[in-house]
Protein backbone atom coordinates (compact mmCIF):
# COMPACT_ATOMS: atom_id res chain seq x y z
CA MET A 1 -10.90 19.45 18.32
CA THR A 2 -7.80 18.98 15.90
CA ALA A 3 -5.88 16.91 18.67
CA PHE A 4 -9.34 15.23 19.43
CA ALA A 5 -9.98 13.91 16.11
CA ALA A 6 -5.84 12.93 15.74
CA ARG A 7 -6.32 11.28 19.17
CA LEU A 8 -9.89 9.45 17.94
CA LEU A 9 -8.11 8.30 14.88
CA TYR A 10 -5.14 7.27 16.68
CA LEU A 11 -7.34 4.74 19.30
CA LEU A 12 -9.32 2.93 15.63
CA ALA A 13 -5.66 2.50 14.48
CA ALA A 14 -4.89 1.04 17.42
CA ALA A 15 -8.12 -1.17 17.76
CA LEU A 16 -7.49 -2.64 14.33
CA ALA A 17 -3.58 -3.45 14.79
CA ARG A 18 -4.84 -5.25 17.71
CA LEU A 19 -5.76 -8.15 15.51
CA PRO A 20 -3.61 -11.12 14.72
CA TRP A 21 -1.35 -10.87 12.05
CA ARG A 22 -2.80 -13.44 10.35
CA TRP A 23 -6.33 -11.60 10.12
CA LEU A 24 -4.15 -8.49 9.23
CA VAL A 25 -3.34 -10.50 6.41
CA ARG A 26 -5.88 -11.52 4.91
CA LEU A 27 -7.69 -7.93 4.99
CA GLY A 28 -5.17 -6.72 3.11
CA ASP A 29 -5.35 -8.83 0.62
CA ALA A 30 -9.14 -7.89 0.60
CA LEU A 31 -7.96 -5.10 0.05
CA ALA A 32 -6.05 -5.32 -3.08
CA ARG A 33 -8.59 -7.40 -4.83
CA TRP A 34 -11.02 -4.64 -4.28
CA LEU A 35 -8.91 -1.83 -5.43
CA VAL A 36 -8.30 -3.93 -8.47
CA ARG A 37 -11.87 -5.26 -8.81
CA ARG A 38 -12.97 -1.15 -8.66
CA ASN A 39 -10.06 0.24 -10.24
CA ARG A 40 -9.31 2.58 -7.72
CA ARG A 41 -6.54 5.43 -8.28
CA GLU A 42 -4.36 3.19 -6.52
CA SER A 43 -4.51 0.65 -9.31
CA ARG A 44 -4.83 2.64 -12.05
CA VAL A 45 -1.22 4.72 -10.83
CA THR A 46 -0.05 1.52 -10.43
CA ARG A 47 -0.24 0.41 -13.57
CA ARG A 48 0.26 2.89 -15.69
CA ASN A 49 3.98 3.17 -13.61
CA LEU A 50 4.68 -0.04 -15.14
CA GLU A 51 3.81 0.73 -18.51
CA LEU A 52 5.95 3.43 -18.27
CA ALA A 53 8.98 1.72 -16.36
CA TYR A 54 8.66 -1.53 -17.63
CA PRO A 55 7.61 -1.13 -21.17
CA ALA A 56 9.36 -4.38 -22.48
CA LEU A 57 7.82 -6.63 -19.46
CA PRO A 58 5.18 -9.06 -21.31
CA ALA A 59 1.86 -7.47 -20.24
CA PRO A 60 0.67 -11.00 -18.24
CA GLU A 61 3.85 -10.18 -15.95
CA ARG A 62 3.43 -6.41 -15.70
CA GLU A 63 -0.28 -7.51 -14.59
CA ALA A 64 1.10 -9.54 -12.08
CA LEU A 65 3.16 -6.89 -10.57
CA HIS A 66 0.52 -4.71 -10.68
CA ASP A 67 -1.29 -7.48 -8.67
CA ALA A 68 1.56 -7.95 -6.25
CA ILE A 69 2.48 -4.44 -5.68
CA LEU A 70 -0.96 -3.34 -4.77
CA ARG A 71 -1.03 -6.12 -2.43
CA THR A 72 2.44 -5.42 -1.08
CA THR A 73 0.56 -1.55 -0.34
CA ALA A 74 -2.35 -2.65 1.23
CA ARG A 75 -0.84 -5.14 4.00
CA GLN A 76 1.67 -2.03 4.60
CA LEU A 77 -1.08 0.17 5.53
CA LEU A 78 -1.82 -2.44 8.01
CA GLU A 79 1.50 -3.15 8.68
CA THR A 80 2.19 0.36 9.27
CA LEU A 81 -0.64 1.02 11.58
CA ARG A 82 1.06 -1.94 13.89
CA LEU A 83 4.16 0.02 13.85
CA TRP A 84 2.51 2.99 14.77
CA THR A 85 0.89 1.94 18.08
CA ARG A 86 2.72 -0.56 19.41
CA PRO A 87 6.52 0.21 21.81
CA HIS A 88 8.97 0.55 19.74
CA ALA A 89 11.03 -1.42 21.23
CA ARG A 90 8.74 -4.59 20.57
CA ASN A 91 8.92 -3.33 17.17
CA LEU A 92 12.24 -3.38 16.73
CA GLN A 93 12.53 -7.08 17.32
CA LEU A 94 10.79 -7.72 14.08
CA LEU A 95 14.37 -7.19 12.43
CA ARG A 96 15.60 -10.62 11.54
CA ALA A 97 19.11 -9.35 10.56
CA GLN A 98 21.31 -5.62 10.28
CA HIS A 99 23.36 -4.95 7.33
CA GLY A 100 25.87 -2.61 7.16
CA VAL A 101 25.31 -0.73 10.90
CA ASP A 102 28.90 -0.79 11.08
CA LEU A 103 28.91 2.16 8.36
CA PHE A 104 26.39 4.00 10.14
CA ASP A 105 28.01 3.93 13.42
CA ALA A 106 31.27 5.38 12.17
CA ALA A 107 29.38 8.09 10.22
CA LEU A 108 28.17 8.92 13.46
CA ALA A 109 31.31 8.55 15.37
CA SER A 110 33.25 10.99 12.40
CA GLY A 111 31.16 13.76 13.95
CA ARG A 112 30.74 14.85 10.11
CA GLY A 113 26.97 15.04 9.82
CA LEU A 114 25.06 12.71 8.78
CA ILE A 115 22.55 12.10 5.70
CA VAL A 116 20.23 9.27 6.21
CA ALA A 117 18.16 8.86 2.53
CA ALA A 118 15.34 6.54 2.85
CA PRO A 119 13.94 5.91 -0.68
CA HIS A 120 10.53 4.54 -0.07
CA TYR A 121 10.85 1.00 -0.16
CA GLY A 122 10.15 -1.60 2.16
CA ASN A 123 8.92 -0.23 5.29
CA TRP A 124 10.25 3.49 6.07
CA GLU A 125 8.38 3.89 9.49
CA LEU A 126 9.89 0.15 10.72
CA LEU A 127 13.11 2.36 9.55
CA ASN A 128 12.67 5.78 11.74
CA GLN A 129 11.97 3.98 14.97
CA TRP A 130 15.43 2.05 14.30
CA LEU A 131 17.03 5.62 13.10
CA ALA A 132 15.26 6.98 16.74
CA ALA A 133 16.72 4.06 19.05
CA LYS A 134 20.29 5.03 17.68
CA THR A 135 20.86 8.46 17.54
CA PRO A 136 18.78 11.71 17.96
CA LEU A 137 17.43 13.36 13.95
CA ALA A 138 15.74 15.42 12.22
CA VAL A 139 12.94 14.24 9.78
CA LEU A 140 12.27 16.25 6.67
CA TYR A 141 8.55 15.61 5.54
CA ALA A 142 5.88 16.96 3.26
CA PRO A 143 3.07 17.98 5.43
CA PRO A 144 -0.57 16.46 4.45
CA ASP A 145 -3.25 18.65 3.46
CA SER A 146 -5.29 17.98 6.31
CA LYS A 147 -4.85 19.26 9.79
CA VAL A 148 -6.48 16.58 11.19
CA GLY A 149 -3.93 14.50 9.35
CA GLU A 150 -0.31 16.20 10.23
CA ALA A 151 -1.75 16.16 13.37
CA PHE A 152 -2.24 12.16 13.54
CA LEU A 153 0.97 11.89 12.03
CA ASN A 154 2.91 14.13 14.40
CA LEU A 155 1.10 11.37 17.25
CA VAL A 156 2.19 8.01 15.60
CA ARG A 157 5.73 9.45 14.77
CA ALA A 158 6.44 10.69 18.06
CA ALA A 159 8.98 8.19 19.80
CA PRO A 160 8.06 7.32 23.09
CA GLY A 161 9.84 6.03 26.14
CA ALA A 162 13.20 5.76 25.93
CA ASP A 163 13.37 7.65 22.73
CA ALA A 164 11.12 10.17 23.50
CA GLY A 165 12.39 14.24 22.00
CA ARG A 166 15.19 12.24 20.01
CA VAL A 167 13.17 12.39 16.34
CA THR A 168 12.58 16.66 15.46
CA GLN A 169 9.88 16.51 12.69
CA VAL A 170 11.00 19.27 9.76
CA ARG A 171 8.20 20.53 7.24
CA ALA A 172 9.47 20.66 4.24
CA ASP A 173 7.81 23.49 2.88
CA GLY A 174 10.25 26.43 2.99
CA PRO A 175 14.01 28.27 3.38
CA ALA A 176 13.50 27.84 7.18
CA ALA A 177 13.61 23.89 6.80
CA VAL A 178 16.98 23.84 4.79
CA ARG A 179 18.77 26.68 7.04
CA HIS A 180 17.50 23.82 10.26
CA LEU A 181 19.11 21.33 8.58
CA LEU A 182 22.27 23.08 7.35
CA LYS A 183 23.06 24.23 11.08
CA LEU A 184 22.03 20.40 12.16
CA LEU A 185 24.54 18.69 9.77
CA LYS A 186 27.11 21.53 10.09
CA ASP A 187 27.14 21.11 13.86
CA GLY A 188 27.42 16.97 12.95
CA GLY A 189 23.59 15.76 13.67
CA VAL A 190 21.98 13.75 11.25
CA THR A 191 18.96 13.48 9.19
CA GLY A 192 16.80 11.76 7.24
CA ILE A 193 15.37 12.49 4.13
CA LEU A 194 12.98 10.95 1.17
CA PRO A 195 14.82 11.31 -1.97
CA ASP A 196 12.74 9.96 -4.43
CA GLN A 197 9.09 12.43 -3.64
CA GLN A 198 8.90 14.52 -6.94
CA PRO A 199 9.65 18.45 -5.93
CA LYS A 200 7.89 21.66 -7.01
CA ARG A 201 9.20 21.96 -10.73
CA GLY A 202 11.56 24.73 -10.12
CA ASP A 203 12.92 23.18 -7.32
CA GLY A 204 14.85 19.79 -8.84
CA GLU A 205 16.44 18.93 -11.64
CA PHE A 206 14.87 15.87 -14.11
CA ALA A 207 17.44 13.51 -14.35
CA PRO A 208 16.80 9.55 -15.86
CA PHE A 209 14.93 7.21 -13.16
CA PHE A 210 13.54 3.49 -14.94
CA GLY A 211 14.59 5.41 -18.05
CA LEU A 212 12.74 8.24 -17.69
CA PRO A 213 13.05 11.68 -17.48
CA ALA A 214 11.99 12.45 -13.37
CA LEU A 215 11.57 15.65 -11.65
CA THR A 216 14.36 14.91 -8.63
CA MET A 217 15.21 16.54 -5.39
CA THR A 218 18.29 18.93 -5.77
CA LEU A 219 18.16 19.26 -1.87
CA LEU A 220 19.97 16.14 -0.31
CA PRO A 221 22.65 17.03 -2.66
CA ARG A 222 22.95 20.30 -1.61
CA LEU A 223 22.49 19.78 1.91
CA ALA A 224 25.95 17.09 1.40
CA ALA A 225 28.11 19.02 -0.54
CA ARG A 226 28.08 22.39 1.83
CA THR A 227 28.61 20.76 4.47
CA GLY A 228 30.85 17.08 4.00
CA ALA A 229 27.54 15.62 5.63
CA THR A 230 28.31 11.50 5.07
CA VAL A 231 25.24 10.24 2.80
CA LEU A 232 23.68 6.63 3.16
CA TYR A 233 20.57 4.63 2.34
CA ALA A 234 18.84 3.24 4.24
CA TYR A 235 15.92 0.69 4.06
CA CYS A 236 13.54 -2.09 5.79
CA GLU A 237 13.10 -4.97 3.63
CA ARG A 238 10.62 -7.01 3.83
CA VAL A 239 11.50 -10.95 3.95
CA GLY A 240 8.45 -12.74 4.58
CA ASP A 241 6.70 -13.42 7.89
CA ALA A 242 7.60 -14.83 11.67
CA GLY A 243 4.97 -17.02 12.92
CA ASP A 244 2.28 -14.04 13.89
CA GLU A 245 4.66 -11.48 12.73
CA PRO A 246 5.78 -9.86 9.46
CA ALA A 247 9.92 -10.11 9.23
CA PHE A 248 12.30 -7.36 7.86
CA GLU A 249 16.14 -6.72 7.19
CA LEU A 250 17.78 -3.60 7.77
CA HIS A 251 20.16 -2.33 4.97
CA ILE A 252 22.26 0.64 5.32
CA GLU A 253 24.53 1.14 1.73
CA PRO A 254 26.70 3.84 1.24
CA ALA A 255 25.72 6.46 -1.53
CA ALA A 256 27.93 7.31 -4.86
CA ALA A 257 30.49 9.75 -3.84
CA ALA A 258 28.65 11.86 -6.97
CA VAL A 259 25.03 12.42 -4.77
CA SER A 260 27.55 14.90 -3.54
CA ASP A 261 28.04 16.33 -6.66
CA PRO A 262 27.92 20.63 -6.69
CA ASP A 263 27.07 20.31 -10.48
CA PRO A 264 23.11 19.46 -9.62
CA GLN A 265 22.72 17.06 -13.11
CA VAL A 266 25.24 15.19 -11.90
CA ALA A 267 24.47 14.68 -7.97
CA ALA A 268 20.59 14.26 -9.98
CA ALA A 269 21.51 11.18 -11.87
CA ALA A 270 23.57 9.68 -9.47
CA LEU A 271 20.51 9.83 -6.47
CA ASN A 272 18.00 8.08 -9.00
CA ALA A 273 20.72 5.63 -10.10
CA ASP A 274 20.97 4.20 -6.36
CA ILE A 275 17.53 4.61 -5.63
CA GLU A 276 16.42 2.87 -8.70
CA ARG A 277 18.54 0.22 -7.93
CA ILE A 278 17.33 -0.41 -4.05
CA ALA A 279 13.95 -0.82 -5.71
CA ARG A 280 14.58 -3.46 -8.76
CA ARG A 281 15.86 -5.55 -5.10
CA ASP A 282 12.24 -6.72 -5.48
CA PRO A 283 9.40 -3.75 -7.34
CA ALA A 284 6.38 -4.94 -5.27
CA GLN A 285 8.01 -3.25 -2.44
CA TYR A 286 8.70 0.05 -4.07
CA GLN A 287 5.77 2.86 -3.99
CA TRP A 288 4.66 2.23 -6.87
CA THR A 289 1.31 4.30 -6.37
CA TYR A 290 3.01 7.27 -6.11
CA LYS A 291 2.48 9.50 -9.57
CA ARG A 292 6.66 9.91 -10.03
CA PHE A 293 6.78 11.41 -13.78
CA SER A 294 3.89 13.98 -13.39
CA LEU A 295 5.47 16.75 -14.30
CA ARG A 296 7.57 16.56 -17.13
CA PRO A 297 10.41 18.45 -18.76
CA ASP A 298 9.75 20.96 -21.78
CA GLY A 299 5.89 20.99 -21.38
CA ALA A 300 5.16 17.39 -22.17
CA ALA A 301 1.83 16.08 -21.39
CA ASN A 302 1.19 14.63 -17.86
CA PRO A 303 1.13 10.62 -19.02
CA TYR A 304 -1.41 10.48 -15.96
CA TRP A 305 -3.64 13.00 -17.08
CA PRO A 306 -6.97 12.09 -16.80
CA ASP A 307 -7.32 8.66 -16.25
CA CYS A 308 -5.27 8.42 -13.18
CA TYR A 309 -6.84 11.12 -11.34
């Protein structure tokens, strides 16, 4: 039953994604306006995040950024449905430029193992497809609460055709995942990790992010320190539309050396500094609908409670 429901969701997503891109843009913008007008959770969380991360920004500018983020978020939802339900080779034609691929190729050739840190910036699903076309890899993911939702994600993220079997999805829910990734990296393999997800309390370190202490994962730095793997950032940044399609540029960048520091506090601070630098390129493309600061040090109050729940 779970597989059937996931397949049905896939067919519905594919049907919607067949609409012309210009129609989907208008639909996304209408959805964003509805989120604002109804003061939905995504709108409330975004507004609170901007108050926390950009306290000096004048209120009218912050509100304009809030609206831009929701437009981008809504468009990305529809954009991602297209990416999930079309041939990957066709999707990769949306990349108008690719920067830093030589760094990626050199890391692969070194045989030392490679950790691809992919912040929630731009479209990370397109990045997954680019990576799968380049090399086999394991992708660490946090499973959704719904079994149908997880089955749907496994279905849409499976690489068809020439990329089949090149992506192994690893659930981030225990020591087995760590053991799997350690062995993979020691054998010279590649893993992709979203580095800006808030871990459980006790599984990370508080480090500055947009001037606030944010609970930050220590898994990525630990993997790098224990295996000697190269750490590279990767993201697909939107650069507008190209006719009837969205357009992107791929960026591959080196991580600061301190990301691999054995001191978890030093490593977490370096990781957050790098992610913040990327997010500031175009704040509207960063995932501000996520409660990034809900866990506070020293028992401080959750800044999202109760307004954003």
